């Protein structure tokens, strides 16, 4: 189990073993979720949604107009 303290500025250091296990480095954003019972979940945002560009290809390279995408028509 890793442990760190919060300093007077409200900052803490993520322990090395935690950084290594989640692949976090300088610039990695952390998302903090406070659970109803007082628990805490910290998630590393290690990838940007922009990295997904080009990963999915249309089989026929056909574009679809926005009007056809609307489910309420």
N, C-alpha and C. Protein backbone atom coordinates (compact mmCIF):
# COMPACT_ATOMS: atom_id res chain seq x y z
N UNK A 1 0.85 -1.18 0.00
CA UNK A 1 0.00 0.00 0.00
C UNK A 1 0.89 1.23 0.00
N UNK A 2 0.55 2.20 -0.83
CA UNK A 2 1.31 3.45 -0.92
C UNK A 2 0.61 4.52 -0.11
N UNK A 3 1.39 5.48 0.35
CA UNK A 3 0.84 6.53 1.20
C UNK A 3 1.54 7.84 0.89
N UNK A 4 0.81 8.94 0.98
CA UNK A 4 1.41 10.27 0.85
C UNK A 4 0.65 11.24 1.76
N UNK A 5 1.23 12.40 1.99
CA UNK A 5 0.62 13.40 2.86
C UNK A 5 0.25 14.63 2.04
N UNK A 6 -0.69 15.40 2.53
CA UNK A 6 -1.09 16.65 1.89
C UNK A 6 -0.34 17.78 2.60
N UNK A 7 0.32 18.65 1.82
CA UNK A 7 1.08 19.73 2.44
C UNK A 7 0.20 20.96 2.71
N UNK A 8 0.78 22.02 3.21
CA UNK A 8 0.04 23.22 3.58
C UNK A 8 -0.65 23.87 2.38
N UNK A 9 -0.14 23.66 1.17
CA UNK A 9 -0.75 24.22 -0.04
C UNK A 9 -1.85 23.31 -0.60
N UNK A 10 -2.11 22.19 0.06
CA UNK A 10 -3.12 21.25 -0.43
C UNK A 10 -2.59 20.31 -1.50
N UNK A 11 -1.28 20.22 -1.63
CA UNK A 11 -0.67 19.38 -2.65
C UNK A 11 -0.17 18.07 -2.04
N UNK A 12 -0.09 17.06 -2.89
CA UNK A 12 0.46 15.79 -2.47
C UNK A 12 1.31 15.22 -3.60
N UNK A 13 2.17 14.29 -3.28
CA UNK A 13 2.98 13.62 -4.28
C UNK A 13 2.43 12.21 -4.48
N UNK A 14 2.22 11.85 -5.74
CA UNK A 14 1.77 10.49 -6.04
C UNK A 14 2.99 9.59 -5.90
N UNK A 15 2.92 8.58 -5.06
CA UNK A 15 4.08 7.70 -4.86
C UNK A 15 4.55 7.06 -6.17
N UNK A 16 5.86 6.86 -6.28
CA UNK A 16 6.46 6.33 -7.50
C UNK A 16 5.82 5.02 -7.94
N UNK A 17 5.59 4.09 -7.00
CA UNK A 17 5.02 2.79 -7.39
C UNK A 17 3.63 2.95 -7.99
N UNK A 18 2.88 3.94 -7.53
CA UNK A 18 1.55 4.20 -8.10
C UNK A 18 1.70 4.80 -9.49
N UNK A 19 2.58 5.79 -9.64
CA UNK A 19 2.80 6.40 -10.96
C UNK A 19 3.23 5.36 -11.98
N UNK A 20 4.13 4.48 -11.59
CA UNK A 20 4.62 3.45 -12.51
C UNK A 20 3.52 2.47 -12.88
N UNK A 21 2.69 2.09 -11.92
CA UNK A 21 1.65 1.09 -12.20
C UNK A 21 0.54 1.61 -13.10
N UNK A 22 0.31 2.94 -13.09
CA UNK A 22 -0.74 3.49 -13.96
C UNK A 22 -0.18 4.18 -15.19
N UNK A 23 1.14 4.15 -15.33
CA UNK A 23 1.77 4.75 -16.50
C UNK A 23 1.69 6.26 -16.52
N UNK A 24 1.68 6.89 -15.35
CA UNK A 24 1.57 8.34 -15.26
C UNK A 24 2.95 8.99 -15.25
N UNK A 25 3.04 10.11 -15.92
CA UNK A 25 4.28 10.88 -15.95
C UNK A 25 3.95 12.35 -15.85
N UNK A 26 4.93 13.20 -16.06
CA UNK A 26 4.68 14.63 -16.01
C UNK A 26 3.57 15.04 -16.97
N UNK A 27 2.64 15.81 -16.49
CA UNK A 27 1.53 16.28 -17.32
C UNK A 27 0.30 15.39 -17.29
N UNK A 28 0.39 14.22 -16.67
CA UNK A 28 -0.78 13.33 -16.59
C UNK A 28 -1.83 14.00 -15.71
N UNK A 29 -3.05 14.06 -16.20
CA UNK A 29 -4.16 14.65 -15.45
C UNK A 29 -4.79 13.56 -14.58
N UNK A 30 -5.16 13.94 -13.35
CA UNK A 30 -5.84 13.03 -12.44
C UNK A 30 -7.26 13.51 -12.23
N UNK A 31 -8.21 12.58 -12.28
CA UNK A 31 -9.62 12.89 -12.06
C UNK A 31 -10.00 12.30 -10.71
N UNK A 32 -10.54 13.13 -9.83
CA UNK A 32 -10.88 12.72 -8.46
C UNK A 32 -12.39 12.56 -8.33
N UNK A 33 -12.82 11.42 -7.80
CA UNK A 33 -14.25 11.14 -7.58
C UNK A 33 -14.44 10.85 -6.09
N UNK A 34 -15.26 11.66 -5.42
CA UNK A 34 -15.58 11.40 -4.02
C UNK A 34 -16.87 10.60 -3.98
N UNK A 35 -16.82 9.43 -3.37
CA UNK A 35 -17.96 8.53 -3.31
C UNK A 35 -18.88 8.93 -2.15
N UNK A 36 -20.16 8.55 -2.22
CA UNK A 36 -21.12 8.92 -1.17
C UNK A 36 -20.68 8.51 0.24
N UNK A 37 -20.04 7.38 0.38
CA UNK A 37 -19.62 6.92 1.70
C UNK A 37 -18.32 7.53 2.18
N UNK A 38 -17.74 8.45 1.41
CA UNK A 38 -16.49 9.08 1.81
C UNK A 38 -15.27 8.48 1.16
N UNK A 39 -15.45 7.42 0.36
CA UNK A 39 -14.32 6.82 -0.35
C UNK A 39 -13.86 7.73 -1.48
N UNK A 40 -12.72 7.44 -2.01
CA UNK A 40 -12.14 8.27 -3.05
C UNK A 40 -11.61 7.39 -4.18
N UNK A 41 -11.93 7.78 -5.41
CA UNK A 41 -11.40 7.10 -6.58
C UNK A 41 -10.61 8.14 -7.36
N UNK A 42 -9.37 7.84 -7.67
CA UNK A 42 -8.53 8.72 -8.48
C UNK A 42 -8.21 7.98 -9.76
N UNK A 43 -8.52 8.62 -10.89
CA UNK A 43 -8.32 8.00 -12.19
C UNK A 43 -7.35 8.84 -12.99
N UNK A 44 -6.40 8.20 -13.65
CA UNK A 44 -5.43 8.91 -14.49
C UNK A 44 -5.99 9.03 -15.90
N UNK A 45 -5.97 10.24 -16.42
CA UNK A 45 -6.36 10.47 -17.81
C UNK A 45 -5.08 10.40 -18.63
N UNK A 46 -4.73 9.20 -19.07
CA UNK A 46 -3.46 9.01 -19.76
C UNK A 46 -3.58 9.16 -21.27
N UNK A 47 -4.80 9.21 -21.79
CA UNK A 47 -5.00 9.33 -23.23
C UNK A 47 -6.01 10.42 -23.53
N UNK A 48 -5.83 11.08 -24.63
CA UNK A 48 -6.77 12.09 -25.08
C UNK A 48 -7.72 11.47 -26.09
N UNK A 49 -8.94 11.97 -26.12
CA UNK A 49 -9.91 11.48 -27.10
C UNK A 49 -9.40 11.79 -28.52
N UNK A 50 -8.55 12.79 -28.66
CA UNK A 50 -8.01 13.14 -29.97
C UNK A 50 -7.13 12.04 -30.54
N UNK A 51 -6.59 11.19 -29.67
CA UNK A 51 -5.76 10.08 -30.14
C UNK A 51 -6.57 9.02 -30.87
N UNK A 52 -7.88 9.06 -30.74
CA UNK A 52 -8.74 8.07 -31.40
C UNK A 52 -9.02 8.41 -32.86
N UNK A 53 -8.63 9.61 -33.28
CA UNK A 53 -8.88 10.03 -34.64
C UNK A 53 -8.32 9.03 -35.64
N UNK A 54 -9.17 8.59 -36.55
CA UNK A 54 -8.74 7.69 -37.60
C UNK A 54 -8.74 6.22 -37.23
N UNK A 55 -9.14 5.87 -35.99
CA UNK A 55 -9.12 4.46 -35.60
C UNK A 55 -10.31 3.69 -36.16
N UNK A 56 -11.39 4.38 -36.44
CA UNK A 56 -12.57 3.71 -37.01
C UNK A 56 -12.76 4.19 -38.44
N UNK A 57 -12.94 3.25 -39.32
CA UNK A 57 -13.14 3.57 -40.73
C UNK A 57 -14.50 3.06 -41.17
N UNK A 58 -15.18 3.85 -41.97
CA UNK A 58 -16.44 3.43 -42.56
C UNK A 58 -16.12 2.38 -43.62
N UNK A 59 -16.86 1.25 -43.62
CA UNK A 59 -16.55 0.22 -44.61
C UNK A 59 -16.66 0.72 -46.05
N UNK A 60 -17.60 1.61 -46.32
CA UNK A 60 -17.78 2.10 -47.69
C UNK A 60 -17.35 3.56 -47.82
N UNK A 61 -16.77 4.11 -46.74
CA UNK A 61 -16.35 5.51 -46.72
C UNK A 61 -17.51 6.43 -47.10
N UNK A 62 -18.70 6.06 -46.67
CA UNK A 62 -19.90 6.83 -46.97
C UNK A 62 -20.17 7.78 -45.80
N UNK A 63 -20.45 9.04 -46.10
CA UNK A 63 -20.81 9.99 -45.05
C UNK A 63 -22.32 9.96 -44.83
N UNK A 64 -22.72 10.32 -43.63
CA UNK A 64 -24.14 10.34 -43.28
C UNK A 64 -24.49 11.76 -42.87
N UNK A 65 -25.53 12.35 -43.48
CA UNK A 65 -25.94 13.71 -43.10
C UNK A 65 -26.44 13.73 -41.65
N UNK A 66 -26.27 14.85 -40.99
CA UNK A 66 -26.70 14.99 -39.60
C UNK A 66 -28.19 14.70 -39.45
N UNK A 67 -28.98 15.11 -40.44
CA UNK A 67 -30.42 14.89 -40.37
C UNK A 67 -30.75 13.40 -40.22
N UNK A 68 -29.95 12.53 -40.83
CA UNK A 68 -30.19 11.10 -40.73
C UNK A 68 -29.70 10.52 -39.40
N UNK A 69 -28.89 11.27 -38.67
CA UNK A 69 -28.38 10.80 -37.37
C UNK A 69 -29.35 11.06 -36.24
N UNK A 70 -30.26 11.98 -36.42
CA UNK A 70 -31.19 12.35 -35.36
C UNK A 70 -32.22 11.24 -35.11
N UNK A 71 -32.24 10.67 -33.91
CA UNK A 71 -33.15 9.55 -33.64
C UNK A 71 -34.60 9.98 -33.46
N UNK A 72 -34.88 11.26 -33.32
CA UNK A 72 -36.23 11.71 -33.03
C UNK A 72 -37.01 12.19 -34.25
N UNK A 73 -36.52 11.95 -35.45
CA UNK A 73 -37.25 12.42 -36.61
C UNK A 73 -38.40 11.54 -36.95
